[in-house]
Protein backbone atom coordinates (compact mmCIF):
# COMPACT_ATOMS: atom_id res chain seq x y z
CA MET A 1 165.83 80.36 118.69
CA MET A 2 162.67 82.49 118.60
CA ASP A 3 163.93 84.75 121.44
CA ALA A 4 167.15 85.50 119.54
CA MET A 5 165.22 86.32 116.36
CA ALA A 6 162.74 88.56 118.15
CA ALA A 7 165.59 90.47 119.80
CA ASN A 8 167.03 91.30 116.38
CA GLY A 9 163.82 92.67 114.79
CA LYS A 10 160.63 91.46 113.18
CA TYR A 11 160.29 88.93 110.41
CA ARG A 12 163.53 87.03 111.24
CA LEU A 13 161.69 83.72 111.28
CA ARG A 14 160.40 84.35 107.69
CA THR A 15 163.90 85.17 106.59
CA TRP A 16 165.23 82.02 108.20
CA LEU A 17 162.56 79.91 106.56
CA ARG A 18 163.23 81.43 103.11
CA GLY A 19 166.94 80.56 103.52
CA HIS A 20 166.30 77.02 104.73
CA THR A 21 163.53 75.72 102.49
CA PRO A 22 163.80 74.47 98.89
CA TYR A 23 163.74 77.27 96.31
CA VAL A 24 160.29 76.21 95.04
CA LEU A 25 158.84 76.82 98.50
CA SER A 26 160.92 79.80 99.58
CA ASP A 27 159.24 82.07 97.02
CA ARG A 28 155.92 81.44 98.78
CA ILE A 29 157.29 82.86 102.06
CA ALA A 30 156.95 86.62 101.58
CA LYS A 31 158.97 89.33 103.25
CA GLY A 32 157.19 91.17 106.03
CA ARG A 33 154.91 93.98 104.83
CA GLY A 34 155.68 96.29 107.70
CA VAL A 35 159.01 97.84 108.68
CA CYS A 36 161.18 95.25 110.41
CA GLY A 37 162.90 97.86 112.59
CA GLU A 38 166.46 96.64 112.06
CA HIS A 39 167.31 96.40 108.35
CA GLU A 40 169.97 94.05 107.04
CA TRP A 41 170.82 95.09 103.48
CA TYR A 42 171.75 93.33 100.27
CA TYR A 43 172.61 94.80 96.87
CA ALA A 44 169.56 94.31 94.65
CA GLY A 45 171.13 95.76 91.48
CA GLY A 46 171.54 99.11 89.80
CA THR A 47 171.32 101.72 92.54
CA THR A 48 169.06 99.73 94.85
CA TRP A 49 169.67 98.03 98.16
CA GLU A 50 166.90 96.00 99.87
CA CYS A 51 166.34 94.62 103.34
CA TYR A 52 166.34 90.81 103.68
CA HIS A 53 163.40 90.98 106.10
CA CYS A 54 160.81 93.56 105.00
CA GLU A 55 159.30 94.99 101.80
CA PRO A 56 159.52 98.67 102.84
CA GLY A 57 163.26 98.31 103.39
CA VAL A 58 164.50 99.75 100.10
CA THR A 59 167.07 102.48 99.68
CA ARG A 60 168.84 104.17 96.78
CA VAL A 61 171.73 105.20 99.05
CA CYS A 62 174.37 102.58 99.75
CA PRO A 63 174.07 101.62 103.42
CA TRP A 64 177.77 100.78 103.77
CA PRO A 65 180.95 102.87 103.62
CA ARG A 66 182.65 102.59 100.24
CA ASP A 67 185.63 100.57 101.53
CA GLU A 68 183.32 98.05 103.17
CA TRP A 69 181.26 97.69 100.01
CA VAL A 70 184.33 97.23 97.82
CA SER A 71 185.91 94.72 100.20
CA GLY A 72 182.64 92.71 100.27
CA ARG A 73 182.60 92.54 96.47
CA MET A 74 186.24 91.48 96.39
CA ALA A 75 185.63 88.77 98.99
CA ALA A 76 182.73 87.45 96.86
CA LEU A 77 184.93 87.36 93.77
CA MET A 78 187.70 85.55 95.64
CA MET A 79 185.25 82.91 96.93
CA LEU A 80 183.97 82.38 93.37
CA VAL A 81 187.54 82.10 92.01
CA ASP A 82 188.32 79.45 94.65
CA GLU A 83 185.14 77.60 93.77
CA LEU A 84 185.88 77.71 90.05
CA GLU A 85 189.42 76.42 90.58
CA SER A 86 188.23 73.48 92.71
CA SER A 87 185.39 72.23 90.52
CA GLU A 88 183.60 72.56 87.22
CA PRO A 89 181.53 75.74 87.05
CA THR A 90 177.79 75.28 87.57
CA VAL A 91 175.03 77.44 86.18
CA GLU A 92 174.60 79.00 89.67
CA THR A 93 178.34 79.70 90.06
CA THR A 94 178.56 81.23 86.60
CA ALA A 95 175.50 83.44 87.25
CA GLU A 96 176.92 84.61 90.64
CA TYR A 97 180.26 85.30 89.06
CA ARG A 98 178.68 87.45 86.34
CA ARG A 99 176.47 89.32 88.81
CA THR A 100 179.40 90.08 91.12
CA PHE A 101 181.70 91.01 88.22
CA ALA A 102 178.96 93.37 86.86
CA GLU A 103 178.86 95.04 90.30
CA MET A 104 182.61 95.51 90.23
CA LYS A 105 182.49 97.02 86.73
CA ASP A 106 180.21 99.72 88.13
CA LEU A 107 182.63 100.35 90.99
CA PRO A 108 182.43 103.94 92.26
CA GLY A 109 185.06 106.23 90.85
CA THR A 110 185.54 104.25 87.60
CA GLU A 111 184.51 105.27 84.11
CA ARG A 112 181.64 102.75 84.24
CA ASP A 113 180.30 104.19 87.51
CA ALA A 114 176.52 103.88 87.23
CA GLY A 115 175.91 106.60 89.76
CA HIS A 116 177.11 104.72 92.78
CA GLY A 117 179.86 107.25 93.42
CA ALA A 118 177.33 109.79 94.59
CA LEU A 119 175.52 107.15 96.62
CA LEU A 120 178.49 105.83 98.57
CA ALA A 121 179.92 107.62 101.60
């Protein structure tokens, strides 16, 4: 396991631990302070994308092509719809739905575009 993580960049063990420990403990496992060397991005909100693995990994330019970003948001919405249809909504599901929906409202090229249009390729 360690060899596979090391081959993909620094701080992968920290990321794995944050994803596999209870929430109360995962906050105590910080991202790496140096540059990981192979960023994996997530949308942090507004016009910011952050790396899962390191603190310096922050960009204001969307790291994905527009079509890929849009299809990712649509896939997230479809998963949430499936989850809502199969069970009672939880606080976490509702929060995730609202966050994803807010991202879609700011979809590039729409009236509510919050500046992403200029950021997406």
